[in-house]
PDB file of N, CA and C in Angstrom:
ATOM      1  N   MET A   1      58.621  32.224 131.141  1.00  0.00           N
ATOM      2  CA  MET A   1      59.309  32.066 132.149  1.00  0.00           C
ATOM      3  C   MET A   1      60.554  30.894 131.727  1.00  0.00           C
ATOM      4  N   SER A   2      61.530  31.181 132.149  1.00  0.00           N
ATOM      5  CA  SER A   2      62.796  30.482 131.730  1.00  0.00           C
ATOM      6  C   SER A   2      63.012  29.573 133.129  1.00  0.00           C
ATOM      7  N   ASP A   3      63.680  28.476 132.775  1.00  0.00           N
ATOM      8  CA  ASP A   3      63.662  27.276 133.814  1.00  0.00           C
ATOM      9  C   ASP A   3      64.874  28.093 135.132  1.00  0.00           C
ATOM     10  N   ASN A   4      65.826  28.783 134.802  1.00  0.00           N
ATOM     11  CA  ASN A   4      66.534  29.425 135.602  1.00  0.00           C
ATOM     12  C   ASN A   4      65.992  30.148 136.625  1.00  0.00           C
ATOM     13  N   VAL A   5      65.297  31.054 135.963  1.00  0.00           N
ATOM     14  CA  VAL A   5      64.414  32.084 137.190  1.00  0.00           C
ATOM     15  C   VAL A   5      63.573  31.032 137.705  1.00  0.00           C
ATOM     16  N   THR A   6      62.959  30.085 137.678  1.00  0.00           N
ATOM     17  CA  THR A   6      62.115  29.044 138.266  1.00  0.00           C
ATOM     18  C   THR A   6      63.089  28.428 139.260  1.00  0.00           C
ATOM     19  N   ILE A   7      64.191  28.147 139.000  1.00  0.00           N
ATOM     20  CA  ILE A   7      65.234  27.292 140.068  1.00  0.00           C
ATOM     21  C   ILE A   7      65.421  28.472 140.852  1.00  0.00           C
ATOM     22  N   ARG A   8      65.891  29.636 140.622  1.00  0.00           N
ATOM     23  CA  ARG A   8      66.096  30.389 141.668  1.00  0.00           C
ATOM     24  C   ARG A   8      65.027  31.342 142.490  1.00  0.00           C
ATOM     25  N   ARG A   9      63.825  30.434 142.310  1.00  0.00           N
ATOM     26  CA  ARG A   9      62.560  31.309 143.049  1.00  0.00           C
ATOM     27  C   ARG A   9      62.185  30.080 144.295  1.00  0.00           C
ATOM     28  N   TRP A  10      62.755  28.815 144.057  1.00  0.00           N
ATOM     29  CA  TRP A  10      62.208  27.662 144.823  1.00  0.00           C
ATOM     30  C   TRP A  10      62.505  27.901 146.443  1.00  0.00           C
ATOM     31  N   PRO A  11      63.657  28.349 146.673  1.00  0.00           N
ATOM     32  CA  PRO A  11      64.133  28.629 147.772  1.00  0.00           C
ATOM     33  C   PRO A  11      63.429  29.461 148.819  1.00  0.00           C
ATOM     34  N   ALA A  12      62.863  30.472 148.108  1.00  0.00           N
ATOM     35  CA  ALA A  12      61.986  31.451 148.627  1.00  0.00           C
ATOM     36  C   ALA A  12      60.526  30.826 149.164  1.00  0.00           C
ATOM     37  N   LEU A  13      59.929  30.086 147.996  1.00  0.00           N
ATOM     38  CA  LEU A  13      59.009  29.581 148.157  1.00  0.00           C
ATOM     39  C   LEU A  13      58.987  28.472 149.338  1.00  0.00           C
ATOM     40  N   VAL A  14      59.799  27.792 149.410  1.00  0.00           N
ATOM     41  CA  VAL A  14      59.970  26.641 150.344  1.00  0.00           C
ATOM     42  C   VAL A  14      60.056  27.456 151.861  1.00  0.00           C
ATOM     43  N   TRP A  15      60.874  28.543 151.932  1.00  0.00           N
ATOM     44  CA  TRP A  15      60.971  29.222 153.171  1.00  0.00           C
ATOM     45  C   TRP A  15      59.464  30.243 153.568  1.00  0.00           C
ATOM     46  N   LEU A  16      59.292  30.353 152.723  1.00  0.00           N
ATOM     47  CA  LEU A  16      57.128  31.256 152.800  1.00  0.00           C
ATOM     48  C   LEU A  16      56.420  29.978 153.243  1.00  0.00           C
ATOM     49  N   ILE A  17      56.512  28.735 152.870  1.00  0.00           N
ATOM     50  CA  ILE A  17      55.749  27.646 153.137  1.00  0.00           C
ATOM     51  C   ILE A  17      56.176  27.063 154.597  1.00  0.00           C
ATOM     52  N   LEU A  18      57.614  26.832 154.885  1.00  0.00           N
ATOM     53  CA  LEU A  18      57.587  26.146 155.927  1.00  0.00           C
ATOM     54  C   LEU A  18      57.608  27.286 157.383  1.00  0.00           C
ATOM     55  N   SER A  19      57.880  28.417 156.932  1.00  0.00           N
ATOM     56  CA  SER A  19      57.734  29.605 157.799  1.00  0.00           C
ATOM     57  C   SER A  19      56.372  29.620 158.548  1.00  0.00           C
ATOM     58  N   GLN A  20      55.387  29.639 157.676  1.00  0.00           N
ATOM     59  CA  GLN A  20      54.004  29.738 157.808  1.00  0.00           C
ATOM     60  C   GLN A  20      53.601  28.613 158.467  1.00  0.00           C
ATOM     61  N   LEU A  21      54.000  27.811 158.106  1.00  0.00           N
ATOM     62  CA  LEU A  21      53.566  26.315 158.625  1.00  0.00           C
ATOM     63  C   LEU A  21      53.694  26.499 160.109  1.00  0.00           C
ATOM     64  N   PHE A  22      55.251  26.734 160.614  1.00  0.00           N
ATOM     65  CA  PHE A  22      55.615  27.085 162.027  1.00  0.00           C
ATOM     66  C   PHE A  22      54.808  27.922 162.533  1.00  0.00           C
ATOM     67  N   TYR A  23      54.214  28.936 161.984  1.00  0.00           N
ATOM     68  CA  TYR A  23      53.482  30.101 162.879  1.00  0.00           C
ATOM     69  C   TYR A  23      52.155  29.355 162.731  1.00  0.00           C
ATOM     70  N   LEU A  24      51.591  28.512 161.989  1.00  0.00           N
ATOM     71  CA  LEU A  24      50.371  28.099 162.293  1.00  0.00           C
ATOM     72  C   LEU A  24      50.458  26.832 163.575  1.00  0.00           C
ATOM     73  N   VAL A  25      51.427  26.155 163.374  1.00  0.00           N
ATOM     74  CA  VAL A  25      51.795  25.319 164.551  1.00  0.00           C
ATOM     75  C   VAL A  25      52.054  26.103 165.829  1.00  0.00           C
ATOM     76  N   LEU A  26      52.594  27.178 165.897  1.00  0.00           N
ATOM     77  CA  LEU A  26      52.399  27.986 167.203  1.00  0.00           C
ATOM     78  C   LEU A  26      51.428  28.305 167.590  1.00  0.00           C
ATOM     79  N   LEU A  27      50.404  28.477 166.900  1.00  0.00           N
ATOM     80  CA  LEU A  27      48.949  28.599 167.376  1.00  0.00           C
ATOM     81  C   LEU A  27      48.426  27.906 168.402  1.00  0.00           C
ATOM     82  N   ILE A  28      48.970  26.549 168.577  1.00  0.00           N
ATOM     83  CA  ILE A  28      48.387  25.709 169.289  1.00  0.00           C
ATOM     84  C   ILE A  28      48.802  26.093 170.880  1.00  0.00           C
ATOM     85  N   PRO A  29      50.354  26.209 171.114  1.00  0.00           N
ATOM     86  CA  PRO A  29      50.680  26.536 172.639  1.00  0.00           C
ATOM     87  C   PRO A  29      50.052  28.112 172.543  1.00  0.00           C
ATOM     88  N   TRP A  30      49.902  29.189 171.523  1.00  0.00           N
ATOM     89  CA  TRP A  30      49.447  30.178 172.020  1.00  0.00           C
ATOM     90  C   TRP A  30      48.055  30.293 172.420  1.00  0.00           C
ATOM     91  N   SER A  31      47.063  29.203 171.824  1.00  0.00           N
ATOM     92  CA  SER A  31      45.615  28.962 172.408  1.00  0.00           C
ATOM     93  C   SER A  31      46.023  29.026 174.068  1.00  0.00           C
ATOM     94  N   VAL A  32      46.732  28.127 174.312  1.00  0.00           N
ATOM     95  CA  VAL A  32      46.791  27.835 176.100  1.00  0.00           C
ATOM     96  C   VAL A  32      47.227  29.088 176.716  1.00  0.00           C
ATOM     97  N   ALA A  33      48.191  29.616 176.171  1.00  0.00           N
ATOM     98  CA  ALA A  33      48.801  30.969 176.753  1.00  0.00           C
ATOM     99  C   ALA A  33      47.797  32.138 176.700  1.00  0.00           C
ATOM    100  N   SER A  34      47.003  32.409 175.494  1.00  0.00           N
ATOM    101  CA  SER A  34      46.194  33.293 175.583  1.00  0.00           C
ATOM    102  C   SER A  34      45.197  33.091 176.653  1.00  0.00           C
ATOM    103  N   MET A  35      44.624  31.786 176.612  1.00  0.00           N
ATOM    104  CA  MET A  35      43.493  31.513 177.752  1.00  0.00           C
ATOM    105  C   MET A  35      43.903  31.803 179.037  1.00  0.00           C
ATOM    106  N   MET A  36      45.015  31.225 179.559  1.00  0.00           N
ATOM    107  CA  MET A  36      45.866  31.815 180.769  1.00  0.00           C
ATOM    108  C   MET A  36      46.298  33.093 181.246  1.00  0.00           C
ATOM    109  N   SER A  37      46.404  34.030 179.902  1.00  0.00           N
ATOM    110  CA  SER A  37      46.717  35.321 180.011  1.00  0.00           C
ATOM    111  C   SER A  37      45.942  36.290 181.220  1.00  0.00           C
ATOM    112  N   VAL A  38      44.371  35.747 180.771  1.00  0.00           N
ATOM    113  CA  VAL A  38      43.822  36.724 181.516  1.00  0.00           C
ATOM    114  C   VAL A  38      43.682  36.395 182.984  1.00  0.00           C
ATOM    115  N   MET A  39      44.539  35.839 183.414  1.00  0.00           N
ATOM    116  CA  MET A  39      44.925  35.459 184.857  1.00  0.00           C
ATOM    117  C   MET A  39      45.790  36.477 185.453  1.00  0.00           C
ATOM    118  N   ALA A  40      46.330  37.484 184.648  1.00  0.00           N
ATOM    119  CA  ALA A  40      46.977  38.734 184.761  1.00  0.00           C
ATOM    120  C   ALA A  40      46.147  39.751 185.214  1.00  0.00           C
ATOM    121  N   PHE A  41      44.784  39.601 185.404  1.00  0.00           N
ATOM    122  CA  PHE A  41      43.998  40.670 185.724  1.00  0.00           C
ATOM    123  C   PHE A  41      43.529  40.230 187.351  1.00  0.00           C
ATOM    124  N   ASP A  42      43.853  39.030 187.958  1.00  0.00           N
ATOM    125  CA  ASP A  42      43.447  38.816 188.990  1.00  0.00           C
ATOM    126  C   ASP A  42      43.658  39.530 190.129  1.00  0.00           C
ATOM    127  N   ALA A  43      44.817  40.176 190.139  1.00  0.00           N
ATOM    128  CA  ALA A  43      45.197  41.232 191.042  1.00  0.00           C
ATOM    129  C   ALA A  43      44.686  42.580 190.675  1.00  0.00           C
ATOM    130  N   GLY A  44      43.986  42.554 189.754  1.00  0.00           N
ATOM    131  CA  GLY A  44      43.467  44.003 189.296  1.00  0.00           C
ATOM    132  C   GLY A  44      43.722  44.384 188.037  1.00  0.00           C
ATOM    133  N   ILE A  45      42.973  45.193 187.461  1.00  0.00           N
ATOM    134  CA  ILE A  45      43.509  45.969 186.279  1.00  0.00           C
ATOM    135  C   ILE A  45      44.725  47.155 186.437  1.00  0.00           C
ATOM    136  N   SER A  46      45.623  46.304 185.578  1.00  0.00           N
ATOM    137  CA  SER A  46      47.182  47.682 185.731  1.00  0.00           C
ATOM    138  C   SER A  46      47.546  47.807 184.250  1.00  0.00           C
ATOM    139  N   ALA A  47      48.062  48.787 184.097  1.00  0.00           N
ATOM    140  CA  ALA A  47      48.753  48.742 182.929  1.00  0.00           C
ATOM    141  C   ALA A  47      49.658  47.859 182.382  1.00  0.00           C
ATOM    142  N   GLN A  48      50.635  47.396 183.392  1.00  0.00           N
ATOM    143  CA  GLN A  48      51.266  45.822 183.044  1.00  0.00           C
ATOM    144  C   GLN A  48      50.135  44.540 182.699  1.00  0.00           C
ATOM    145  N   ALA A  49      49.192  44.594 183.405  1.00  0.00           N
ATOM    146  CA  ALA A  49      48.141  43.116 182.846  1.00  0.00           C
ATOM    147  C   ALA A  49      47.743  43.933 181.576  1.00  0.00           C
ATOM    148  N   VAL A  50      47.167  44.844 181.279  1.00  0.00           N
ATOM    149  CA  VAL A  50      46.734  45.147 179.774  1.00  0.00           C
ATOM    150  C   VAL A  50      47.789  44.966 178.687  1.00  0.00           C
ATOM    151  N   LEU A  51      48.590  45.709 179.157  1.00  0.00           N
ATOM    152  CA  LEU A  51      50.037  45.195 177.957  1.00  0.00           C
ATOM    153  C   LEU A  51      50.370  43.813 177.640  1.00  0.00           C
ATOM    154  N   PHE A  52      50.434  42.933 178.690  1.00  0.00           N
ATOM    155  CA  PHE A  52      50.823  41.730 178.758  1.00  0.00           C
ATOM    156  C   PHE A  52      49.526  40.943 177.933  1.00  0.00           C
ATOM    157  N   VAL A  53      48.392  40.955 178.412  1.00  0.00           N
ATOM    158  CA  VAL A  53      47.553  40.517 177.669  1.00  0.00           C
ATOM    159  C   VAL A  53      47.495  40.862 176.518  1.00  0.00           C
ATOM    160  N   GLY A  54      47.521  42.411 176.119  1.00  0.00           N
ATOM    161  CA  GLY A  54      47.186  42.499 174.897  1.00  0.00           C
ATOM    162  C   GLY A  54      48.680  42.131 173.676  1.00  0.00           C
ATOM    163  N   ALA A  55      49.732  41.966 174.274  1.00  0.00           N
ATOM    164  CA  ALA A  55      50.550  41.274 173.260  1.00  0.00           C
ATOM    165  C   ALA A  55      50.491  39.900 173.333  1.00  0.00           C
ATOM    166  N   ILE A  56      49.996  39.152 174.240  1.00  0.00           N
ATOM    167  CA  ILE A  56      49.787  37.539 173.985  1.00  0.00           C
ATOM    168  C   ILE A  56      48.364  37.577 172.900  1.00  0.00           C
ATOM    169  N   TRP A  57      47.466  38.532 173.192  1.00  0.00           N
ATOM    170  CA  TRP A  57      46.266  38.092 172.103  1.00  0.00           C
ATOM    171  C   TRP A  57      46.712  38.729 170.732  1.00  0.00           C
ATOM    172  N   SER A  58      47.845  39.476 170.412  1.00  0.00           N
ATOM    173  CA  SER A  58      47.962  40.288 169.231  1.00  0.00           C
ATOM    174  C   SER A  58      48.744  39.252 168.355  1.00  0.00           C
ATOM    175  N   TYR A  59      49.207  38.015 169.126  1.00  0.00           N
ATOM    176  CA  TYR A  59      50.082  37.148 168.341  1.00  0.00           C
ATOM    177  C   TYR A  59      49.694  36.736 166.633  1.00  0.00           C
ATOM    178  N   PRO A  60      48.583  36.222 166.737  1.00  0.00           N
ATOM    179  CA  PRO A  60      47.764  35.813 165.457  1.00  0.00           C
ATOM    180  C   PRO A  60      47.938  36.910 164.597  1.00  0.00           C
ATOM    181  N   ILE A  61      47.996  37.942 164.835  1.00  0.00           N
ATOM    182  CA  ILE A  61      47.755  39.296 164.084  1.00  0.00           C
ATOM    183  C   ILE A  61      48.708  39.460 163.062  1.00  0.00           C
ATOM    184  N   TRP A  62      50.077  39.488 163.671  1.00  0.00           N
ATOM    185  CA  TRP A  62      51.386  39.702 163.261  1.00  0.00           C
ATOM    186  C   TRP A  62      51.896  38.832 162.173  1.00  0.00           C
ATOM    187  N   PRO A  63      51.859  37.318 162.410  1.00  0.00           N
ATOM    188  CA  PRO A  63      52.308  36.387 161.187  1.00  0.00           C
ATOM    189  C   PRO A  63      51.340  36.498 159.981  1.00  0.00           C
ATOM    190  N   LEU A  64      49.994  36.631 160.572  1.00  0.00           N
ATOM    191  CA  LEU A  64      48.900  37.123 159.289  1.00  0.00           C
ATOM    192  C   LEU A  64      49.143  38.507 158.424  1.00  0.00           C
ATOM    193  N   ILE A  65      49.571  39.468 159.136  1.00  0.00           N
ATOM    194  CA  ILE A  65      49.666  40.745 158.517  1.00  0.00           C
ATOM    195  C   ILE A  65      51.120  40.546 157.561  1.00  0.00           C
ATOM    196  N   PHE A  66      52.303  39.822 157.853  1.00  0.00           N
ATOM    197  CA  PHE A  66      53.319  39.984 157.696  1.00  0.00           C
ATOM    198  C   PHE A  66      53.299  38.489 156.523  1.00  0.00           C
ATOM    199  N   SER A  67      52.497  37.482 156.683  1.00  0.00           N
ATOM    200  CA  SER A  67      52.319  36.646 155.664  1.00  0.00           C
ATOM    201  C   SER A  67      51.845  37.212 154.236  1.00  0.00           C
ATOM    202  N   ILE A  68      50.754  37.925 154.450  1.00  0.00           N
ATOM    203  CA  ILE A  68      50.041  38.632 153.530  1.00  0.00           C
ATOM    204  C   ILE A  68      51.103  39.508 152.818  1.00  0.00           C
ATOM    205  N   LEU A  69      52.008  40.233 153.147  1.00  0.00           N
ATOM    206  CA  LEU A  69      53.154  41.193 152.710  1.00  0.00           C
ATOM    207  C   LEU A  69      54.061  40.178 152.181  1.00  0.00           C
ATOM    208  N   ALA A  70      54.213  39.309 152.612  1.00  0.00           N
ATOM    209  CA  ALA A  70      55.279  38.131 151.861  1.00  0.00           C
ATOM    210  C   ALA A  70      54.796  38.112 150.614  1.00  0.00           C
ATOM    211  N   TRP A  71      53.354  37.304 150.942  1.00  0.00           N
ATOM    212  CA  TRP A  71      53.084  36.786 149.676  1.00  0.00           C
ATOM    213  C   TRP A  71      53.170  37.749 148.303  1.00  0.00           C
ATOM    214  N   VAL A  72      52.387  39.018 148.645  1.00  0.00           N
ATOM    215  CA  VAL A  72      52.507  40.027 147.687  1.00  0.00           C
ATOM    216  C   VAL A  72      53.613  40.313 147.413  1.00  0.00           C
ATOM    217  N   ALA A  73      54.940  40.451 147.874  1.00  0.00           N
ATOM    218  CA  ALA A  73      56.063  40.517 147.310  1.00  0.00           C
ATOM    219  C   ALA A  73      56.663  39.353 146.653  1.00  0.00           C
ATOM    220  N   TYR A  74      56.330  38.015 146.949  1.00  0.00           N
ATOM    221  CA  TYR A  74      56.648  36.938 146.129  1.00  0.00           C
ATOM    222  C   TYR A  74      55.976  37.093 144.696  1.00  0.00           C
ATOM    223  N   ALA A  75      54.523  37.623 144.863  1.00  0.00           N
ATOM    224  CA  ALA A  75      53.995  37.824 143.522  1.00  0.00           C
ATOM    225  C   ALA A  75      54.458  38.646 142.850  1.00  0.00           C
ATOM    226  N   ARG A  76      55.172  39.873 143.289  1.00  0.00           N
ATOM    227  CA  ARG A  76      55.962  40.668 142.934  1.00  0.00           C
ATOM    228  C   ARG A  76      57.242  40.577 142.234  1.00  0.00           C
ATOM    229  N   ARG A  77      57.667  39.433 142.136  1.00  0.00           N
ATOM    230  CA  ARG A  77      59.022  38.764 142.064  1.00  0.00           C
ATOM    231  C   ARG A  77      60.234  39.386 142.948  1.00  0.00           C
ATOM    232  N   SER A  78      59.643  39.686 144.129  1.00  0.00           N
ATOM    233  CA  SER A  78      60.500  40.227 144.894  1.00  0.00           C
ATOM    234  C   SER A  78      60.933  39.175 146.296  1.00  0.00           C
ATOM    235  N   ASP A  79      61.765  37.861 145.716  1.00  0.00           N
ATOM    236  CA  ASP A  79      62.000  36.793 146.641  1.00  0.00           C
ATOM    237  C   ASP A  79      62.404  37.184 147.816  1.00  0.00           C
ATOM    238  N   LYS A  80      63.366  38.155 147.743  1.00  0.00           N
ATOM    239  CA  LYS A  80      64.395  38.647 149.015  1.00  0.00           C
ATOM    240  C   LYS A  80      63.644  39.220 150.060  1.00  0.00           C
ATOM    241  N   MET A  81      62.663  40.150 149.395  1.00  0.00           N
ATOM    242  CA  MET A  81      61.422  41.007 150.616  1.00  0.00           C
ATOM    243  C   MET A  81      60.737  39.965 151.472  1.00  0.00           C
ATOM    244  N   ALA A  82      60.205  38.846 150.284  1.00  0.00           N
ATOM    245  CA  ALA A  82      59.254  37.908 150.831  1.00  0.00           C
ATOM    246  C   ALA A  82      59.802  37.242 151.800  1.00  0.00           C
ATOM    247  N   ALA A  83      61.076  36.978 151.746  1.00  0.00           N
ATOM    248  CA  ALA A  83      61.856  36.085 152.827  1.00  0.00           C
ATOM    249  C   ALA A  83      62.007  37.060 153.937  1.00  0.00           C
ATOM    250  N   VAL A  84      62.216  38.270 153.881  1.00  0.00           N
ATOM    251  CA  VAL A  84      62.037  39.126 155.194  1.00  0.00           C
ATOM    252  C   VAL A  84      60.905  39.233 155.551  1.00  0.00           C
ATOM    253  N   TRP A  85      59.981  39.791 154.832  1.00  0.00           N
ATOM    254  CA  TRP A  85      58.899  39.571 155.749  1.00  0.00           C
ATOM    255  C   TRP A  85      58.123  38.734 156.457  1.00  0.00           C
ATOM    256  N   THR A  86      58.508  37.673 155.717  1.00  0.00           N
ATOM    257  CA  THR A  86      57.880  36.406 156.671  1.00  0.00           C
ATOM    258  C   THR A  86      58.755  36.134 157.788  1.00  0.00           C
ATOM    259  N   SER A  87      59.757  36.437 157.712  1.00  0.00           N
ATOM    260  CA  SER A  87      60.886  36.173 158.710  1.00  0.00           C
ATOM    261  C   SER A  87      60.699  37.129 160.190  1.00  0.00           C
ATOM    262  N   VAL A  88      60.184  38.347 159.783  1.00  0.00           N
ATOM    263  CA  VAL A  88      60.075  39.290 160.814  1.00  0.00           C
ATOM    264  C   VAL A  88      59.042  38.625 161.975  1.00  0.00           C
ATOM    265  N   PRO A  89      58.018  37.752 161.935  1.00  0.00           N
ATOM    266  CA  PRO A  89      57.361  37.340 163.133  1.00  0.00           C
ATOM    267  C   PRO A  89      58.258  36.521 163.818  1.00  0.00           C
ATOM    268  N   LEU A  90      59.227  35.770 163.156  1.00  0.00           N
ATOM    269  CA  LEU A  90      60.024  34.682 163.900  1.00  0.00           C
ATOM    270  C   LEU A  90      60.957  35.693 164.700  1.00  0.00           C
ATOM    271  N   VAL A  91      61.637  36.515 164.153  1.00  0.00           N
ATOM    272  CA  VAL A  91      62.521  37.330 165.027  1.00  0.00           C
ATOM    273  C   VAL A  91      61.892  37.998 166.247  1.00  0.00           C
ATOM    274  N   ILE A  92      60.738  38.284 166.065  1.00  0.00           N
ATOM    275  CA  ILE A  92      59.879  38.782 167.372  1.00  0.00           C
ATOM    276  C   ILE A  92      59.813  37.767 168.199  1.00  0.00           C
ATOM    277  N   VAL A  93      59.405  36.745 167.765  1.00  0.00           N
ATOM    278  CA  VAL A  93      59.066  35.491 168.826  1.00  0.00           C
ATOM    279  C   VAL A  93      60.225  35.200 169.503  1.00  0.00           C
ATOM    280  N   GLY A  94      61.268  34.879 168.616  1.00  0.00           N
ATOM    281  CA  GLY A  94      62.693  34.673 168.992  1.00  0.00           C
ATOM    282  C   GLY A  94      63.259  35.823 170.482  1.00  0.00           C
ATOM    283  N   LEU A  95      62.749  37.104 170.088  1.00  0.00           N
ATOM    284  CA  LEU A  95      63.391  37.851 171.120  1.00  0.00           C
ATOM    285  C   LEU A  95      62.481  37.976 172.465  1.00  0.00           C
ATOM    286  N   ALA A  96      61.126  37.514 172.084  1.00  0.00           N
ATOM    287  CA  ALA A  96      60.349  37.524 173.214  1.00  0.00           C
ATOM    288  C   ALA A  96      60.573  36.137 174.272  1.00  0.00           C
ATOM    289  N   VAL A  97      60.971  35.072 173.438  1.00  0.00           N
ATOM    290  CA  VAL A  97      61.505  33.755 174.098  1.00  0.00           C
ATOM    291  C   VAL A  97      62.734  33.992 174.792  1.00  0.00           C
ATOM    292  N   ALA A  98      63.663  34.814 174.082  1.00  0.00           N
ATOM    293  CA  ALA A  98      64.938  35.381 174.937  1.00  0.00           C
ATOM    294  C   ALA A  98      64.793  36.166 176.270  1.00  0.00           C
ATOM    295  N   VAL A  99      64.092  36.981 175.976  1.00  0.00           N
ATOM    296  CA  VAL A  99      63.440  37.935 176.915  1.00  0.00           C
ATOM    297  C   VAL A  99      62.780  37.099 178.123  1.00  0.00           C
ATOM    298  N   PHE A 100      61.900  36.192 178.010  1.00  0.00           N
ATOM    299  CA  PHE A 100      61.058  35.250 178.879  1.00  0.00           C
ATOM    300  C   PHE A 100      62.367  34.516 179.488  1.00  0.00           C
ATOM    301  N   PHE A 101      63.463  33.847 178.908  1.00  0.00           N
ATOM    302  CA  PHE A 101      64.608  33.196 179.524  1.00  0.00           C
ATOM    303  C   PHE A 101      65.088  33.968 180.439  1.00  0.00           C
ATOM    304  N   ILE A 102      65.752  35.519 179.817  1.00  0.00           N
ATOM    305  CA  ILE A 102      66.382  36.183 180.560  1.00  0.00           C
ATOM    306  C   ILE A 102      65.641  36.495 181.834  1.00  0.00           C
ATOM    307  N   LEU A 103      64.365  36.612 182.089  1.00  0.00           N
ATOM    308  CA  LEU A 103      63.586  37.141 183.040  1.00  0.00           C
ATOM    309  C   LEU A 103      63.665  35.884 184.165  1.00  0.00           C
ATOM    310  N   ILE A 104      63.419  34.897 183.654  1.00  0.00           N
ATOM    311  CA  ILE A 104      63.256  33.326 184.676  1.00  0.00           C
ATOM    312  C   ILE A 104      64.830  33.489 185.088  1.00  0.00           C
ATOM    313  N   GLU A 105      65.733  33.662 184.477  1.00  0.00           N
ATOM    314  CA  GLU A 105      67.300  33.545 185.063  1.00  0.00           C
ATOM    315  C   GLU A 105      67.368  34.640 186.252  1.00  0.00           C
ATOM    316  N   MET A 106      66.898  35.647 186.085  1.00  0.00           N
ATOM    317  CA  MET A 106      67.075  36.915 186.728  1.00  0.00           C
ATOM    318  C   MET A 106      66.239  36.883 188.084  1.00  0.00           C
ATOM    319  N   GLY A 107      65.071  35.760 188.346  1.00  0.00           N
ATOM    320  CA  GLY A 107      64.256  35.664 189.146  1.00  0.00           C
ATOM    321  C   GLY A 107      63.049  36.140 189.226  1.00  0.00           C
ATOM    322  N   PHE A 108      62.502  36.937 187.987  1.00  0.00           N
ATOM    323  CA  PHE A 108      61.254  37.338 187.842  1.00  0.00           C
ATOM    324  C   PHE A 108      60.037  36.533 187.752  1.00  0.00           C
TER     325      PHE A 108
END
């Protein structure tokens, strides 16, 4: 392997490691949120409560799946796809946070 190829690959490797460390750190607030999410059933079982709790509890699964896809792409020397795969959960988390703040501003 030439030095030029190695130099071009390090940004993708750094992004893979940093993004996945970020997902690991997000497990700390997720653990609190997951424990409190079952309070959605205090008013009874509803479709909204089931979807809410399911969405909260599924968080660790998505970064794990996309991390595996990213490392497989990186191993196949597809650095751009590796960066895309590892960024998908970040986009999903960003959208969820944006929706949360929009709902707060709307008074929900």
